[in-house]
Amino acid sequence: MNTIDMLAEAARIYAVWWQAHGSRPVTATELAEPVRAAADPDGRGRQYLAAKLRMLDGVRAAGFVLTRRPSVGRWSPGHYLLQRADAGDEPDRSGVSPPRVLVLAATDPARRIHAELETARRALERAARQMAALYPEILRIDAARDASIAAQEGGRE
């Protein structure tokens, strides 16, 4: 999933989450059904949902940031907290991972791959234009070759 799609999906999930839970910390199993449906529209299950939430940990979108408070023990679940991420208002980060800021930069591998693919696409377009420009000449050479072969065959008979 590219960064733009991920941010759009996070914004959609965060809007539903805020309506259902506000800023109350919840575990993945405590999520309201509309939030589950937004995060896991295909109904893949609990593990998919937990992986999706871990992926969104620290992602800022639509004025919100989702943070994960790790579990206290080995078997207790982690809690997720959605907070408003206003410019002057930093969320409480006690016991949570720092937010990941997704920036499209030249160093971003997806951005670099996209730039390389765009360069290759342009090169192919140039080659196609050159071939199209040469096509009438190719047809003329083919016609001349056919005429030459016909003339040689006509001289042999």
Protein backbone atom coordinates (compact mmCIF):
# COMPACT_ATOMS: atom_id res chain seq x y z
CA MET A 1 0.00 0.00 0.00
CA ASN A 2 1.45 3.35 -0.89
CA THR A 3 1.71 6.19 1.59
CA ILE A 4 -1.16 8.24 0.17
CA ASP A 5 -3.55 5.28 0.32
CA MET A 6 -2.40 4.47 3.85
CA LEU A 7 -3.08 8.02 5.03
CA ALA A 8 -6.50 8.03 3.35
CA GLU A 9 -7.38 4.73 4.99
CA ALA A 10 -6.12 5.97 8.37
CA ALA A 11 -8.26 9.12 8.06
CA ARG A 12 -11.33 7.00 7.31
CA ILE A 13 -10.67 4.67 10.25
CA TYR A 14 -9.87 7.53 12.63
CA ALA A 15 -13.13 9.34 11.87
CA VAL A 16 -15.18 6.24 12.73
CA TRP A 17 -12.99 5.49 15.76
CA TRP A 18 -13.42 9.00 17.18
CA GLN A 19 -17.21 8.74 16.93
CA ALA A 20 -17.27 5.35 18.61
CA HIS A 21 -14.58 5.69 21.28
CA GLY A 22 -13.35 9.27 21.43
CA SER A 23 -10.03 9.50 23.27
CA ARG A 24 -10.71 6.47 25.49
CA PRO A 25 -7.98 3.77 25.29
CA VAL A 26 -9.29 0.44 23.96
CA THR A 27 -7.87 -2.95 23.04
CA ALA A 28 -8.31 -4.42 19.58
CA THR A 29 -11.01 -6.76 20.88
CA GLU A 30 -12.95 -3.87 22.47
CA LEU A 31 -13.31 -1.96 19.21
CA ALA A 32 -16.85 -1.10 18.20
CA GLU A 33 -18.23 -2.92 15.17
CA PRO A 34 -18.16 0.18 12.89
CA VAL A 35 -14.45 0.64 13.67
CA ARG A 36 -13.77 -3.04 12.97
CA ALA A 37 -15.64 -2.75 9.68
CA ALA A 38 -13.65 0.34 8.68
CA ALA A 39 -10.29 -1.22 9.58
CA ASP A 40 -11.08 -4.72 8.29
CA PRO A 41 -13.76 -4.41 5.57
CA ASP A 42 -13.19 -7.98 4.35
CA GLY A 43 -13.62 -9.47 7.83
CA ARG A 44 -10.23 -11.17 7.88
CA GLY A 45 -10.23 -11.46 11.67
CA ARG A 46 -8.56 -10.54 14.92
CA GLN A 47 -4.94 -11.03 13.86
CA TYR A 48 -5.37 -8.94 10.73
CA LEU A 49 -7.00 -6.20 12.78
CA ALA A 50 -4.19 -6.25 15.36
CA ALA A 51 -1.56 -6.07 12.60
CA LYS A 52 -3.41 -3.17 10.97
CA LEU A 53 -3.50 -1.26 14.26
CA ARG A 54 0.23 -1.85 14.85
CA MET A 55 0.87 -0.52 11.35
CA LEU A 56 -1.12 2.64 12.15
CA ASP A 57 0.69 3.19 15.47
CA GLY A 58 2.01 6.75 15.40
CA VAL A 59 0.46 7.66 12.05
CA ARG A 60 -1.04 11.14 11.90
CA ALA A 61 -4.02 11.65 9.62
CA ALA A 62 -7.10 13.87 9.53
CA GLY A 63 -6.01 15.73 12.65
CA PHE A 64 -5.59 12.58 14.76
CA VAL A 65 -2.77 10.31 15.83
CA LEU A 66 -3.15 6.69 16.95
CA THR A 67 -0.76 5.55 19.66
CA ARG A 68 -0.27 2.13 21.16
CA ARG A 69 0.35 1.62 24.83
CA PRO A 70 2.19 -1.68 25.09
CA SER A 71 0.86 -4.43 27.30
CA VAL A 72 2.01 -4.62 30.90
CA GLY A 73 2.55 -8.38 30.91
CA ARG A 74 3.26 -10.96 28.29
CA TRP A 75 -0.34 -12.02 27.82
CA SER A 76 -2.23 -8.80 28.42
CA PRO A 77 -3.29 -6.87 25.30
CA GLY A 78 -1.96 -3.49 24.29
CA HIS A 79 -4.27 -0.49 24.35
CA TYR A 80 -4.77 1.92 21.49
CA LEU A 81 -5.50 5.58 22.03
CA LEU A 82 -6.72 8.00 19.39
CA GLN A 83 -5.94 11.63 20.17
CA ARG A 84 -6.32 14.90 18.39
CA ALA A 85 -3.03 15.99 16.87
CA ASP A 86 -3.43 19.74 16.63
CA ALA A 87 -0.39 21.72 15.55
CA GLY A 88 0.23 23.28 18.97
CA ASP A 89 -1.13 20.36 20.94
CA GLU A 90 1.20 17.40 21.40
CA PRO A 91 -0.49 14.18 22.54
CA ASP A 92 0.49 12.53 25.80
CA ARG A 93 3.24 10.07 24.92
CA SER A 94 3.88 8.50 28.29
CA GLY A 95 4.53 4.84 27.61
CA VAL A 96 3.79 5.04 23.90
CA SER A 97 5.95 4.92 20.83
CA PRO A 98 6.78 8.22 19.13
CA PRO A 99 4.59 9.08 16.16
CA ARG A 100 5.79 8.12 12.72
CA VAL A 101 5.59 11.05 10.38
CA LEU A 102 5.03 9.83 6.85
CA VAL A 103 6.79 12.22 4.52
CA LEU A 104 7.08 11.71 0.82
CA ALA A 105 10.72 12.47 0.21
CA ALA A 106 13.26 11.53 -2.39
CA THR A 107 14.71 9.07 0.12
CA ASP A 108 11.40 7.24 0.48
CA PRO A 109 11.87 3.90 -1.36
CA ALA A 110 8.35 3.97 -2.80
CA ARG A 111 8.90 7.50 -4.07
CA ARG A 112 12.26 6.54 -5.60
CA ILE A 113 10.76 3.48 -7.32
CA HIS A 114 7.90 5.61 -8.65
CA ALA A 115 10.42 8.12 -10.05
CA GLU A 116 12.39 5.33 -11.75
CA LEU A 117 9.22 3.88 -13.25
CA GLU A 118 8.18 7.32 -14.49
CA THR A 119 11.60 7.77 -16.13
CA ALA A 120 11.27 4.37 -17.82
CA ARG A 121 7.74 5.21 -18.99
CA ARG A 122 8.97 8.45 -20.57
CA ALA A 123 11.83 6.61 -22.30
CA LEU A 124 9.34 4.10 -23.72
CA GLU A 125 7.12 6.94 -24.93
CA ARG A 126 10.10 8.55 -26.70
CA ALA A 127 10.99 5.22 -28.32
CA ALA A 128 7.39 4.71 -29.44
CA ARG A 129 7.31 8.21 -30.98
CA GLN A 130 10.59 7.54 -32.80
CA MET A 131 9.26 4.22 -34.11
CA ALA A 132 6.05 5.90 -35.24
CA ALA A 133 8.09 8.58 -37.03
CA LEU A 134 10.17 5.88 -38.74
CA TYR A 135 7.20 3.74 -39.73
CA PRO A 136 6.56 5.43 -43.12
CA GLU A 137 10.26 4.97 -43.94
CA ILE A 138 10.03 1.29 -42.95
CA LEU A 139 7.00 0.87 -45.23
CA ARG A 140 8.89 2.57 -48.09
CA ILE A 141 11.91 0.27 -47.61
CA ASP A 142 9.63 -2.79 -47.45
CA ALA A 143 7.92 -1.72 -50.66
CA ALA A 144 11.28 -1.13 -52.35
CA ARG A 145 12.53 -4.55 -51.17
CA ASP A 146 9.37 -6.24 -52.47
CA ALA A 147 9.73 -4.43 -55.80
CA SER A 148 13.40 -5.45 -56.02
CA ILE A 149 12.57 -9.09 -55.27
CA ALA A 150 9.75 -9.00 -57.83
CA ALA A 151 12.11 -7.50 -60.40
CA GLN A 152 14.75 -10.16 -59.73
CA GLU A 153 12.17 -12.93 -59.96
CA GLY A 154 10.76 -11.39 -63.14
CA GLY A 155 14.27 -11.30 -64.72
CA ARG A 156 14.88 -14.99 -63.99
CA GLU A 157 11.81 -16.28 -65.75
